[in-house]
Structure formats: structure tokens, C-alpha cells
Amino acid sequence: FSREDLNSVFERKRMEKLHLLKKS
């Protein structure tokens, strides 16, 4: 599990949170 994988996961979760915030 490389650092790049972690970064992509965090980035995706962050984008999902932003998306949820925009929806509500």
C-alpha cells in the first residue's frame, strides 16, 4: 500500500465530502 494510493483515497473521500456538502 503505497503513499500514492493513500493520497488518492484521501483525495476521493475529500471530493465525496465536498459533493455531499454541495448536495445538502
Foldseek 3Di string as FASTA:
>chain_A
DDPVVVVVVVVVVVVVVVVVVVVD
